[in-house]
Amino acid sequence: MKTKMTCIICPTGCCLITELKNGTVGVSGHKCLRGLEYAKQETLDPRRYLTASVAAYNLDLAMVPVKSEKPLPKSALLPAMEQIKKFRLNKSVKIGTVLIPDLAGTGIALVVTRNANRV
């Protein structure tokens, strides 16, 4: 099965065509090796960074911004958001503080992206 996608790695925006046969990905349309690697990754194991906010209590922010430390598998995004929705923060944190070390069972941490202090 052939799939068309636009490469988002650089401003060129190459039109990539991938074909998966016997577990091997064939790629055409790329103008650089980064586009080739992007197409393979996107075909075999698509991943995305997750950015969100967690509820905060008794802090100078009502919602504290967070992000995944690394890109998560796309299949883990909804379970990760469910886990984040249940999380409640009630202590001061600094940028880079790990809130959830194993987000949705992926082994990828959820980290704070802004300082938040007690009021």
PDB file of N, CA and C in Angstrom:
ATOM      1  N   MET A   1       0.823  -1.172   0.000  1.00  0.00           N
ATOM      2  CA  MET A   1       0.000   0.000   0.000  1.00  0.00           C
ATOM      3  C   MET A   1       0.878   1.250   0.000  1.00  0.00           C
ATOM      4  N   LYS A   2       0.607   2.174  -0.898  1.00  0.00           N
ATOM      5  CA  LYS A   2       1.368   3.416  -0.984  1.00  0.00           C
ATOM      6  C   LYS A   2       0.679   4.510  -0.178  1.00  0.00           C
ATOM      7  N   THR A   3       1.511   5.333   0.453  1.00  0.00           N
ATOM      8  CA  THR A   3       1.008   6.443   1.251  1.00  0.00           C
ATOM      9  C   THR A   3       1.745   7.714   0.859  1.00  0.00           C
ATOM     10  N   LYS A   4       0.986   8.805   0.682  1.00  0.00           N
ATOM     11  CA  LYS A   4       1.590  10.106   0.398  1.00  0.00           C
ATOM     12  C   LYS A   4       1.635  10.908   1.678  1.00  0.00           C
ATOM     13  N   MET A   5       2.722  11.642   1.870  1.00  0.00           N
ATOM     14  CA  MET A   5       2.852  12.544   3.013  1.00  0.00           C
ATOM     15  C   MET A   5       3.778  13.681   2.639  1.00  0.00           C
ATOM     16  N   THR A   6       3.659  14.765   3.362  1.00  0.00           N
ATOM     17  CA  THR A   6       4.544  15.904   3.170  1.00  0.00           C
ATOM     18  C   THR A   6       5.565  15.895   4.294  1.00  0.00           C
ATOM     19  N   CYS A   7       6.816  16.001   3.936  1.00  0.00           N
ATOM     20  CA  CYS A   7       7.884  16.022   4.930  1.00  0.00           C
ATOM     21  C   CYS A   7       7.833  17.357   5.682  1.00  0.00           C
ATOM     22  N   ILE A   8       7.919  17.306   7.010  1.00  0.00           N
ATOM     23  CA  ILE A   8       7.874  18.515   7.830  1.00  0.00           C
ATOM     24  C   ILE A   8       9.215  18.811   8.506  1.00  0.00           C
ATOM     25  N   ILE A   9      10.251  18.117   8.112  1.00  0.00           N
ATOM     26  CA  ILE A   9      11.548  18.264   8.765  1.00  0.00           C
ATOM     27  C   ILE A   9      12.243  19.571   8.389  1.00  0.00           C
ATOM     28  N   CYS A  10      12.127  20.019   7.154  1.00  0.00           N
ATOM     29  CA  CYS A  10      12.749  21.273   6.741  1.00  0.00           C
ATOM     30  C   CYS A  10      11.750  22.083   5.901  1.00  0.00           C
ATOM     31  N   PRO A  11      12.064  23.326   5.581  1.00  0.00           N
ATOM     32  CA  PRO A  11      11.122  24.170   4.833  1.00  0.00           C
ATOM     33  C   PRO A  11      10.818  23.712   3.395  1.00  0.00           C
ATOM     34  N   THR A  12      11.594  22.795   2.851  1.00  0.00           N
ATOM     35  CA  THR A  12      11.366  22.347   1.477  1.00  0.00           C
ATOM     36  C   THR A  12      10.006  21.678   1.330  1.00  0.00           C
ATOM     37  N   GLY A  13       9.599  20.891   2.305  1.00  0.00           N
ATOM     38  CA  GLY A  13       8.282  20.246   2.276  1.00  0.00           C
ATOM     39  C   GLY A  13       8.133  19.241   1.144  1.00  0.00           C
ATOM     40  N   CYS A  14       9.077  18.337   1.017  1.00  0.00           N
ATOM     41  CA  CYS A  14       9.045  17.335  -0.054  1.00  0.00           C
ATOM     42  C   CYS A  14       7.768  16.488   0.019  1.00  0.00           C
ATOM     43  N   CYS A  15       7.258  16.124  -1.135  1.00  0.00           N
ATOM     44  CA  CYS A  15       6.117  15.206  -1.215  1.00  0.00           C
ATOM     45  C   CYS A  15       6.696  13.792  -1.225  1.00  0.00           C
ATOM     46  N   LEU A  16       6.474  13.066  -0.143  1.00  0.00           N
ATOM     47  CA  LEU A  16       7.043  11.735   0.010  1.00  0.00           C
ATOM     48  C   LEU A  16       6.000  10.673  -0.304  1.00  0.00           C
ATOM     49  N   ILE A  17       6.451   9.601  -0.907  1.00  0.00           N
ATOM     50  CA  ILE A  17       5.593   8.451  -1.156  1.00  0.00           C
ATOM     51  C   ILE A  17       6.272   7.255  -0.512  1.00  0.00           C
ATOM     52  N   THR A  18       5.536   6.588   0.375  1.00  0.00           N
ATOM     53  CA  THR A  18       6.087   5.421   1.058  1.00  0.00           C
ATOM     54  C   THR A  18       5.302   4.185   0.662  1.00  0.00           C
ATOM     55  N   GLU A  19       6.006   3.072   0.671  1.00  0.00           N
ATOM     56  CA  GLU A  19       5.360   1.794   0.394  1.00  0.00           C
ATOM     57  C   GLU A  19       5.937   0.758   1.353  1.00  0.00           C
ATOM     58  N   LEU A  20       5.047   0.109   2.077  1.00  0.00           N
ATOM     59  CA  LEU A  20       5.453  -0.898   3.049  1.00  0.00           C
ATOM     60  C   LEU A  20       5.274  -2.275   2.453  1.00  0.00           C
ATOM     61  N   LYS A  21       6.394  -3.016   2.343  1.00  0.00           N
ATOM     62  CA  LYS A  21       6.367  -4.383   1.822  1.00  0.00           C
ATOM     63  C   LYS A  21       7.204  -5.271   2.721  1.00  0.00           C
ATOM     64  N   ASN A  22       6.588  -6.309   3.256  1.00  0.00           N
ATOM     65  CA  ASN A  22       7.295  -7.293   4.083  1.00  0.00           C
ATOM     66  C   ASN A  22       8.091  -6.649   5.212  1.00  0.00           C
ATOM     67  N   GLY A  23       7.527  -5.619   5.843  1.00  0.00           N
ATOM     68  CA  GLY A  23       8.189  -4.961   6.961  1.00  0.00           C
ATOM     69  C   GLY A  23       9.270  -3.976   6.572  1.00  0.00           C
ATOM     70  N   THR A  24       9.471  -3.764   5.277  1.00  0.00           N
ATOM     71  CA  THR A  24      10.470  -2.827   4.791  1.00  0.00           C
ATOM     72  C   THR A  24       9.768  -1.638   4.152  1.00  0.00           C
ATOM     73  N   VAL A  25      10.266  -0.446   4.440  1.00  0.00           N
ATOM     74  CA  VAL A  25       9.653   0.764   3.911  1.00  0.00           C
ATOM     75  C   VAL A  25      10.476   1.273   2.733  1.00  0.00           C
ATOM     76  N   GLY A  26       9.810   1.441   1.596  1.00  0.00           N
ATOM     77  CA  GLY A  26      10.420   2.085   0.439  1.00  0.00           C
ATOM     78  C   GLY A  26       9.951   3.524   0.399  1.00  0.00           C
ATOM     79  N   VAL A  27      10.867   4.454   0.154  1.00  0.00           N
ATOM     80  CA  VAL A  27      10.530   5.876   0.161  1.00  0.00           C
ATOM     81  C   VAL A  27      11.023   6.518  -1.119  1.00  0.00           C
ATOM     82  N   SER A  28      10.181   7.359  -1.711  1.00  0.00           N
ATOM     83  CA  SER A  28      10.601   8.157  -2.865  1.00  0.00           C
ATOM     84  C   SER A  28      10.130   9.592  -2.662  1.00  0.00           C
ATOM     85  N   GLY A  29      10.757  10.516  -3.366  1.00  0.00           N
ATOM     86  CA  GLY A  29      10.386  11.915  -3.290  1.00  0.00           C
ATOM     87  C   GLY A  29      11.213  12.738  -2.319  1.00  0.00           C
ATOM     88  N   HIS A  30      12.047  12.098  -1.505  1.00  0.00           N
ATOM     89  CA  HIS A  30      12.858  12.839  -0.535  1.00  0.00           C
ATOM     90  C   HIS A  30      14.075  13.453  -1.213  1.00  0.00           C
ATOM     91  N   LYS A  31      14.449  14.642  -0.757  1.00  0.00           N
ATOM     92  CA  LYS A  31      15.625  15.320  -1.310  1.00  0.00           C
ATOM     93  C   LYS A  31      16.816  15.294  -0.356  1.00  0.00           C
ATOM     94  N   CYS A  32      16.591  14.732   0.849  1.00  0.00           N
ATOM     95  CA  CYS A  32      17.704  14.621   1.798  1.00  0.00           C
ATOM     96  C   CYS A  32      17.493  13.382   2.668  1.00  0.00           C
ATOM     97  N   LEU A  33      18.527  12.985   3.377  1.00  0.00           N
ATOM     98  CA  LEU A  33      18.445  11.807   4.239  1.00  0.00           C
ATOM     99  C   LEU A  33      17.500  12.014   5.418  1.00  0.00           C
ATOM    100  N   ARG A  34      17.353  13.267   5.867  1.00  0.00           N
ATOM    101  CA  ARG A  34      16.425  13.529   6.976  1.00  0.00           C
ATOM    102  C   ARG A  34      14.994  13.215   6.563  1.00  0.00           C
ATOM    103  N   GLY A  35      14.655  13.528   5.322  1.00  0.00           N
ATOM    104  CA  GLY A  35      13.318  13.213   4.812  1.00  0.00           C
ATOM    105  C   GLY A  35      13.097  11.713   4.712  1.00  0.00           C
ATOM    106  N   LEU A  36      14.127  11.007   4.320  1.00  0.00           N
ATOM    107  CA  LEU A  36      14.056   9.550   4.235  1.00  0.00           C
ATOM    108  C   LEU A  36      13.791   8.957   5.612  1.00  0.00           C
ATOM    109  N   GLU A  37      14.543   9.388   6.620  1.00  0.00           N
ATOM    110  CA  GLU A  37      14.362   8.884   7.988  1.00  0.00           C
ATOM    111  C   GLU A  37      12.995   9.270   8.544  1.00  0.00           C
ATOM    112  N   TYR A  38      12.545  10.488   8.254  1.00  0.00           N
ATOM    113  CA  TYR A  38      11.223  10.934   8.710  1.00  0.00           C
ATOM    114  C   TYR A  38      10.134  10.023   8.143  1.00  0.00           C
ATOM    115  N   ALA A  39      10.196   9.741   6.859  1.00  0.00           N
ATOM    116  CA  ALA A  39       9.176   8.901   6.218  1.00  0.00           C
ATOM    117  C   ALA A  39       9.162   7.491   6.800  1.00  0.00           C
ATOM    118  N   LYS A  40      10.335   6.925   7.048  1.00  0.00           N
ATOM    119  CA  LYS A  40      10.407   5.584   7.640  1.00  0.00           C
ATOM    120  C   LYS A  40       9.805   5.584   9.040  1.00  0.00           C
ATOM    121  N   GLN A  41      10.198   6.577   9.852  1.00  0.00           N
ATOM    122  CA  GLN A  41       9.683   6.674  11.223  1.00  0.00           C
ATOM    123  C   GLN A  41       8.167   6.855  11.218  1.00  0.00           C
ATOM    124  N   GLU A  42       7.680   7.728  10.367  1.00  0.00           N
ATOM    125  CA  GLU A  42       6.250   8.028  10.313  1.00  0.00           C
ATOM    126  C   GLU A  42       5.439   6.826   9.837  1.00  0.00           C
ATOM    127  N   THR A  43       6.024   5.989   9.010  1.00  0.00           N
ATOM    128  CA  THR A  43       5.329   4.811   8.499  1.00  0.00           C
ATOM    129  C   THR A  43       5.337   3.665   9.509  1.00  0.00           C
ATOM    130  N   LEU A  44       6.482   3.425  10.127  1.00  0.00           N
ATOM    131  CA  LEU A  44       6.608   2.277  11.026  1.00  0.00           C
ATOM    132  C   LEU A  44       6.166   2.564  12.466  1.00  0.00           C
ATOM    133  N   ASP A  45       6.469   3.748  12.968  1.00  0.00           N
ATOM    134  CA  ASP A  45       6.185   4.057  14.371  1.00  0.00           C
ATOM    135  C   ASP A  45       5.972   5.560  14.536  1.00  0.00           C
ATOM    136  N   PRO A  46       4.812   6.085  14.119  1.00  0.00           N
ATOM    137  CA  PRO A  46       4.587   7.530  14.222  1.00  0.00           C
ATOM    138  C   PRO A  46       4.553   7.986  15.679  1.00  0.00           C
ATOM    139  N   ARG A  47       5.227   9.089  15.947  1.00  0.00           N
ATOM    140  CA  ARG A  47       5.321   9.620  17.306  1.00  0.00           C
ATOM    141  C   ARG A  47       5.065  11.118  17.303  1.00  0.00           C
ATOM    142  N   ARG A  48       4.598  11.633  18.449  1.00  0.00           N
ATOM    143  CA  ARG A  48       4.316  13.053  18.604  1.00  0.00           C
ATOM    144  C   ARG A  48       4.693  13.503  20.012  1.00  0.00           C
ATOM    145  N   TYR A  49       5.200  14.739  20.107  1.00  0.00           N
ATOM    146  CA  TYR A  49       5.348  15.350  21.418  1.00  0.00           C
ATOM    147  C   TYR A  49       3.952  15.677  21.927  1.00  0.00           C
ATOM    148  N   LEU A  50       3.759  15.559  23.226  1.00  0.00           N
ATOM    149  CA  LEU A  50       2.484  15.877  23.833  1.00  0.00           C
ATOM    150  C   LEU A  50       2.667  17.106  24.714  1.00  0.00           C
ATOM    151  N   THR A  51       1.893  18.148  24.456  1.00  0.00           N
ATOM    152  CA  THR A  51       1.894  19.331  25.311  1.00  0.00           C
ATOM    153  C   THR A  51       0.502  19.471  25.915  1.00  0.00           C
ATOM    154  N   ALA A  52       0.468  19.853  27.172  1.00  0.00           N
ATOM    155  CA  ALA A  52      -0.811  19.957  27.872  1.00  0.00           C
ATOM    156  C   ALA A  52      -0.613  20.837  29.101  1.00  0.00           C
ATOM    157  N   SER A  53      -1.620  20.866  29.963  1.00  0.00           N
ATOM    158  CA  SER A  53      -1.552  21.570  31.235  1.00  0.00           C
ATOM    159  C   SER A  53      -2.134  20.666  32.311  1.00  0.00           C
ATOM    160  N   VAL A  54      -1.581  20.757  33.513  1.00  0.00           N
ATOM    161  CA  VAL A  54      -2.137  20.005  34.642  1.00  0.00           C
ATOM    162  C   VAL A  54      -2.766  20.986  35.624  1.00  0.00           C
ATOM    163  N   ALA A  55      -3.801  20.540  36.287  1.00  0.00           N
ATOM    164  CA  ALA A  55      -4.478  21.366  37.275  1.00  0.00           C
ATOM    165  C   ALA A  55      -3.562  21.602  38.473  1.00  0.00           C
ATOM    166  N   ALA A  56      -3.568  22.854  38.975  1.00  0.00           N
ATOM    167  CA  ALA A  56      -2.730  23.205  40.116  1.00  0.00           C
ATOM    168  C   ALA A  56      -3.586  23.829  41.208  1.00  0.00           C
ATOM    169  N   TYR A  57      -3.242  23.527  42.454  1.00  0.00           N
ATOM    170  CA  TYR A  57      -3.957  24.055  43.605  1.00  0.00           C
ATOM    171  C   TYR A  57      -2.968  24.724  44.547  1.00  0.00           C
ATOM    172  N   ASN A  58      -3.359  25.883  45.087  1.00  0.00           N
ATOM    173  CA  ASN A  58      -2.524  26.658  46.009  1.00  0.00           C
ATOM    174  C   ASN A  58      -1.201  27.090  45.379  1.00  0.00           C
ATOM    175  N   LEU A  59      -1.205  27.294  44.059  1.00  0.00           N
ATOM    176  CA  LEU A  59      -0.019  27.778  43.350  1.00  0.00           C
ATOM    177  C   LEU A  59      -0.360  29.093  42.657  1.00  0.00           C
ATOM    178  N   ASP A  60       0.679  29.796  42.188  1.00  0.00           N
ATOM    179  CA  ASP A  60       0.442  31.062  41.494  1.00  0.00           C
ATOM    180  C   ASP A  60      -0.156  30.870  40.101  1.00  0.00           C
ATOM    181  N   LEU A  61      -0.232  29.645  39.627  1.00  0.00           N
ATOM    182  CA  LEU A  61      -0.867  29.311  38.356  1.00  0.00           C
ATOM    183  C   LEU A  61      -2.010  28.328  38.608  1.00  0.00           C
ATOM    184  N   ALA A  62      -3.116  28.510  37.909  1.00  0.00           N
ATOM    185  CA  ALA A  62      -4.230  27.559  38.042  1.00  0.00           C
ATOM    186  C   ALA A  62      -3.965  26.302  37.225  1.00  0.00           C
ATOM    187  N   MET A  63      -3.253  26.468  36.122  1.00  0.00           N
ATOM    188  CA  MET A  63      -2.872  25.353  35.247  1.00  0.00           C
ATOM    189  C   MET A  63      -1.379  25.479  34.964  1.00  0.00           C
ATOM    190  N   VAL A  64      -0.651  24.394  35.097  1.00  0.00           N
ATOM    191  CA  VAL A  64       0.802  24.402  34.870  1.00  0.00           C
ATOM    192  C   VAL A  64       1.091  23.693  33.554  1.00  0.00           C
ATOM    193  N   PRO A  65       1.801  24.363  32.617  1.00  0.00           N
ATOM    194  CA  PRO A  65       2.095  23.739  31.333  1.00  0.00           C
ATOM    195  C   PRO A  65       3.129  22.617  31.463  1.00  0.00           C
ATOM    196  N   VAL A  66       2.910  21.553  30.698  1.00  0.00           N
ATOM    197  CA  VAL A  66       3.777  20.379  30.725  1.00  0.00           C
ATOM    198  C   VAL A  66       3.976  19.862  29.306  1.00  0.00           C
ATOM    199  N   LYS A  67       4.971  19.010  29.132  1.00  0.00           N
ATOM    200  CA  LYS A  67       5.176  18.344  27.844  1.00  0.00           C
ATOM    201  C   LYS A  67       5.849  17.002  28.077  1.00  0.00           C
ATOM    202  N   SER A  68       5.735  16.136  27.083  1.00  0.00           N
ATOM    203  CA  SER A  68       6.440  14.858  27.171  1.00  0.00           C
ATOM    204  C   SER A  68       7.916  15.114  26.901  1.00  0.00           C
ATOM    205  N   GLU A  69       8.758  14.374  27.602  1.00  0.00           N
ATOM    206  CA  GLU A  69      10.207  14.541  27.475  1.00  0.00           C
ATOM    207  C   GLU A  69      10.697  14.164  26.074  1.00  0.00           C
ATOM    208  N   LYS A  70      10.040  13.170  25.485  1.00  0.00           N
ATOM    209  CA  LYS A  70      10.353  12.680  24.144  1.00  0.00           C
ATOM    210  C   LYS A  70       9.028  12.463  23.419  1.00  0.00           C
ATOM    211  N   PRO A  71       9.078  12.276  22.113  1.00  0.00           N
ATOM    212  CA  PRO A  71       7.825  11.981  21.407  1.00  0.00           C
ATOM    213  C   PRO A  71       7.229  10.645  21.853  1.00  0.00           C
ATOM    214  N   LEU A  72       5.912  10.631  21.997  1.00  0.00           N
ATOM    215  CA  LEU A  72       5.173   9.420  22.378  1.00  0.00           C
ATOM    216  C   LEU A  72       4.643   8.720  21.135  1.00  0.00           C
ATOM    217  N   PRO A  73       4.467   7.417  21.189  1.00  0.00           N
ATOM    218  CA  PRO A  73       3.766   6.745  20.093  1.00  0.00           C
ATOM    219  C   PRO A  73       2.359   7.337  19.979  1.00  0.00           C
ATOM    220  N   LYS A  74       1.871   7.523  18.756  1.00  0.00           N
ATOM    221  CA  LYS A  74       0.547   8.114  18.574  1.00  0.00           C
ATOM    222  C   LYS A  74      -0.535   7.335  19.305  1.00  0.00           C
ATOM    223  N   SER A  75      -0.377   6.036  19.402  1.00  0.00           N
ATOM    224  CA  SER A  75      -1.375   5.207  20.079  1.00  0.00           C
ATOM    225  C   SER A  75      -1.439   5.482  21.583  1.00  0.00           C
ATOM    226  N   ALA A  76      -0.425   6.116  22.143  1.00  0.00           N
ATOM    227  CA  ALA A  76      -0.387   6.393  23.584  1.00  0.00           C
ATOM    228  C   ALA A  76      -0.889   7.794  23.922  1.00  0.00           C
ATOM    229  N   LEU A  77      -1.206   8.615  22.935  1.00  0.00           N
ATOM    230  CA  LEU A  77      -1.592   9.996  23.211  1.00  0.00           C
ATOM    231  C   LEU A  77      -2.880  10.106  24.033  1.00  0.00           C
ATOM    232  N   LEU A  78      -3.923   9.404  23.656  1.00  0.00           N
ATOM    233  CA  LEU A  78      -5.182   9.494  24.400  1.00  0.00           C
ATOM    234  C   LEU A  78      -5.061   8.916  25.814  1.00  0.00           C
ATOM    235  N   PRO A  79      -4.440   7.736  25.997  1.00  0.00           N
ATOM    236  CA  PRO A  79      -4.244   7.256  27.367  1.00  0.00           C
ATOM    237  C   PRO A  79      -3.397   8.224  28.211  1.00  0.00           C
ATOM    238  N   ALA A  80      -2.422   8.856  27.594  1.00  0.00           N
ATOM    239  CA  ALA A  80      -1.587   9.825  28.321  1.00  0.00           C
ATOM    240  C   ALA A  80      -2.415  11.030  28.748  1.00  0.00           C
ATOM    241  N   MET A  81      -3.286  11.512  27.872  1.00  0.00           N
ATOM    242  CA  MET A  81      -4.135  12.650  28.225  1.00  0.00           C
ATOM    243  C   MET A  81      -5.098  12.291  29.359  1.00  0.00           C
ATOM    244  N   GLU A  82      -5.605  11.072  29.359  1.00  0.00           N
ATOM    245  CA  GLU A  82      -6.476  10.637  30.462  1.00  0.00           C
ATOM    246  C   GLU A  82      -5.704  10.659  31.778  1.00  0.00           C
ATOM    247  N   GLN A  83      -4.468  10.226  31.755  1.00  0.00           N
ATOM    248  CA  GLN A  83      -3.631  10.224  32.958  1.00  0.00           C
ATOM    249  C   GLN A  83      -3.345  11.664  33.409  1.00  0.00           C
ATOM    250  N   ILE A  84      -3.072  12.549  32.472  1.00  0.00           N
ATOM    251  CA  ILE A  84      -2.780  13.948  32.783  1.00  0.00           C
ATOM    252  C   ILE A  84      -4.015  14.636  33.372  1.00  0.00           C
ATOM    253  N   LYS A  85      -5.195  14.335  32.831  1.00  0.00           N
ATOM    254  CA  LYS A  85      -6.432  14.941  33.335  1.00  0.00           C
ATOM    255  C   LYS A  85      -6.664  14.624  34.809  1.00  0.00           C
ATOM    256  N   LYS A  86      -6.225  13.481  35.261  1.00  0.00           N
ATOM    257  CA  LYS A  86      -6.422  13.058  36.651  1.00  0.00           C
ATOM    258  C   LYS A  86      -5.352  13.605  37.606  1.00  0.00           C
ATOM    259  N   PHE A  87      -4.268  14.120  37.054  1.00  0.00           N
ATOM    260  CA  PHE A  87      -3.141  14.582  37.872  1.00  0.00           C
ATOM    261  C   PHE A  87      -3.469  15.926  38.523  1.00  0.00           C
ATOM    262  N   ARG A  88      -3.137  16.090  39.796  1.00  0.00           N
ATOM    263  CA  ARG A  88      -3.333  17.341  40.534  1.00  0.00           C
ATOM    264  C   ARG A  88      -2.004  17.749  41.152  1.00  0.00           C
ATOM    265  N   LEU A  89      -1.593  18.985  40.904  1.00  0.00           N
ATOM    266  CA  LEU A  89      -0.319  19.495  41.398  1.00  0.00           C
ATOM    267  C   LEU A  89      -0.586  20.462  42.544  1.00  0.00           C
ATOM    268  N   ASN A  90       0.069  20.260  43.685  1.00  0.00           N
ATOM    269  CA  ASN A  90      -0.137  21.157  44.828  1.00  0.00           C
ATOM    270  C   ASN A  90       1.170  21.523  45.528  1.00  0.00           C
ATOM    271  N   LYS A  91       2.281  21.459  44.795  1.00  0.00           N
ATOM    272  CA  LYS A  91       3.569  21.862  45.363  1.00  0.00           C
ATOM    273  C   LYS A  91       4.335  22.684  44.329  1.00  0.00           C
ATOM    274  N   SER A  92       5.245  23.502  44.795  1.00  0.00           N
ATOM    275  CA  SER A  92       6.066  24.314  43.902  1.00  0.00           C
ATOM    276  C   SER A  92       6.902  23.420  42.996  1.00  0.00           C
ATOM    277  N   VAL A  93       7.051  23.826  41.745  1.00  0.00           N
ATOM    278  CA  VAL A  93       7.852  23.065  40.784  1.00  0.00           C
ATOM    279  C   VAL A  93       8.676  24.023  39.932  1.00  0.00           C
ATOM    280  N   LYS A  94       9.772  23.523  39.415  1.00  0.00           N
ATOM    281  CA  LYS A  94      10.625  24.290  38.507  1.00  0.00           C
ATOM    282  C   LYS A  94      10.597  23.648  37.127  1.00  0.00           C
ATOM    283  N   ILE A  95      10.968  24.416  36.136  1.00  0.00           N
ATOM    284  CA  ILE A  95      11.045  23.897  34.772  1.00  0.00           C
ATOM    285  C   ILE A  95      11.902  22.638  34.768  1.00  0.00           C
ATOM    286  N   GLY A  96      11.419  21.602  34.116  1.00  0.00           N
ATOM    287  CA  GLY A  96      12.162  20.353  34.011  1.00  0.00           C
ATOM    288  C   GLY A  96      11.808  19.324  35.069  1.00  0.00           C
ATOM    289  N   THR A  97      11.012  19.725  36.072  1.00  0.00           N
ATOM    290  CA  THR A  97      10.600  18.773  37.107  1.00  0.00           C
ATOM    291  C   THR A  97       9.749  17.671  36.484  1.00  0.00           C
ATOM    292  N   VAL A  98      10.071  16.431  36.800  1.00  0.00           N
ATOM    293  CA  VAL A  98       9.306  15.293  36.294  1.00  0.00           C
ATOM    294  C   VAL A  98       8.066  15.111  37.156  1.00  0.00           C
ATOM    295  N   LEU A  99       6.885  15.168  36.539  1.00  0.00           N
ATOM    296  CA  LEU A  99       5.635  14.960  37.270  1.00  0.00           C
ATOM    297  C   LEU A  99       5.182  13.514  37.193  1.00  0.00           C
ATOM    298  N   ILE A 100       5.285  12.935  36.013  1.00  0.00           N
ATOM    299  CA  ILE A 100       4.904  11.536  35.811  1.00  0.00           C
ATOM    300  C   ILE A 100       6.080  10.865  35.099  1.00  0.00           C
ATOM    301  N   PRO A 101       6.797   9.958  35.761  1.00  0.00           N
ATOM    302  CA  PRO A 101       7.993   9.367  35.149  1.00  0.00           C
ATOM    303  C   PRO A 101       7.701   8.367  34.029  1.00  0.00           C
ATOM    304  N   ASP A 102       6.531   7.746  34.049  1.00  0.00           N
ATOM    305  CA  ASP A 102       6.201   6.725  33.055  1.00  0.00           C
ATOM    306  C   ASP A 102       4.808   7.018  32.484  1.00  0.00           C
ATOM    307  N   LEU A 103       4.744   7.954  31.575  1.00  0.00           N
ATOM    308  CA  LEU A 103       3.476   8.419  31.024  1.00  0.00           C
ATOM    309  C   LEU A 103       2.833   7.341  30.162  1.00  0.00           C
ATOM    310  N   ALA A 104       1.656   6.912  30.563  1.00  0.00           N
ATOM    311  CA  ALA A 104       0.861   5.912  29.831  1.00  0.00           C
ATOM    312  C   ALA A 104       1.640   4.628  29.545  1.00  0.00           C
ATOM    313  N   GLY A 105       2.545   4.268  30.441  1.00  0.00           N
ATOM    314  CA  GLY A 105       3.298   3.032  30.285  1.00  0.00           C
ATOM    315  C   GLY A 105       4.325   3.042  29.168  1.00  0.00           C
ATOM    316  N   THR A 106       4.736   4.231  28.730  1.00  0.00           N
ATOM    317  CA  THR A 106       5.693   4.335  27.622  1.00  0.00           C
ATOM    318  C   THR A 106       7.138   4.440  28.084  1.00  0.00           C
ATOM    319  N   GLY A 107       7.337   4.727  29.378  1.00  0.00           N
ATOM    320  CA  GLY A 107       8.688   4.957  29.871  1.00  0.00           C
ATOM    321  C   GLY A 107       9.167   6.372  29.611  1.00  0.00           C
ATOM    322  N   ILE A 108       8.300   7.216  29.065  1.00  0.00           N
ATOM    323  CA  ILE A 108       8.631   8.604  28.750  1.00  0.00           C
ATOM    324  C   ILE A 108       8.025   9.495  29.832  1.00  0.00           C
ATOM    325  N   ALA A 109       8.820  10.457  30.315  1.00  0.00           N
ATOM    326  CA  ALA A 109       8.396  11.309  31.424  1.00  0.00           C
ATOM    327  C   ALA A 109       7.587  12.510  30.947  1.00  0.00           C
ATOM    328  N   LEU A 110       6.727  13.001  31.847  1.00  0.00           N
ATOM    329  CA  LEU A 110       6.002  14.248  31.649  1.00  0.00           C
ATOM    330  C   LEU A 110       6.694  15.290  32.510  1.00  0.00           C
ATOM    331  N   VAL A 111       7.153  16.397  31.902  1.00  0.00           N
ATOM    332  CA  VAL A 111       7.921  17.412  32.621  1.00  0.00           C
ATOM    333  C   VAL A 111       7.237  18.776  32.576  1.00  0.00           C
ATOM    334  N   VAL A 112       7.522  19.579  33.588  1.00  0.00           N
ATOM    335  CA  VAL A 112       6.989  20.931  33.715  1.00  0.00           C
ATOM    336  C   VAL A 112       7.754  21.872  32.778  1.00  0.00           C
ATOM    337  N   THR A 113       7.035  22.810  32.141  1.00  0.00           N
ATOM    338  CA  THR A 113       7.683  23.736  31.216  1.00  0.00           C
ATOM    339  C   THR A 113       7.635  25.190  31.715  1.00  0.00           C
ATOM    340  N   ARG A 114       7.156  25.399  32.953  1.00  0.00           N
ATOM    341  CA  ARG A 114       7.139  26.740  33.542  1.00  0.00           C
ATOM    342  C   ARG A 114       7.177  26.602  35.060  1.00  0.00           C
ATOM    343  N   ASN A 115       7.915  27.485  35.711  1.00  0.00           N
ATOM    344  CA  ASN A 115       7.970  27.477  37.172  1.00  0.00           C
ATOM    345  C   ASN A 115       6.598  27.795  37.748  1.00  0.00           C
ATOM    346  N   ALA A 116       6.270  27.147  38.850  1.00  0.00           N
ATOM    347  CA  ALA A 116       5.029  27.434  39.577  1.00  0.00           C
ATOM    348  C   ALA A 116       5.357  27.408  41.069  1.00  0.00           C
ATOM    349  N   ASN A 117       4.879  28.424  41.777  1.00  0.00           N
ATOM    350  CA  ASN A 117       5.212  28.571  43.195  1.00  0.00           C
ATOM    351  C   ASN A 117       3.972  28.619  44.065  1.00  0.00           C
ATOM    352  N   ARG A 118       4.139  28.224  45.328  1.00  0.00           N
ATOM    353  CA  ARG A 118       3.036  28.285  46.290  1.00  0.00           C
ATOM    354  C   ARG A 118       2.640  29.733  46.531  1.00  0.00           C
ATOM    355  N   VAL A 119       1.358  29.938  46.780  1.00  0.00           N
ATOM    356  CA  VAL A 119       0.888  31.300  47.115  1.00  0.00           C
ATOM    357  C   VAL A 119       0.699  31.430  48.597  1.00  0.00           C
TER     358      VAL A 119
END
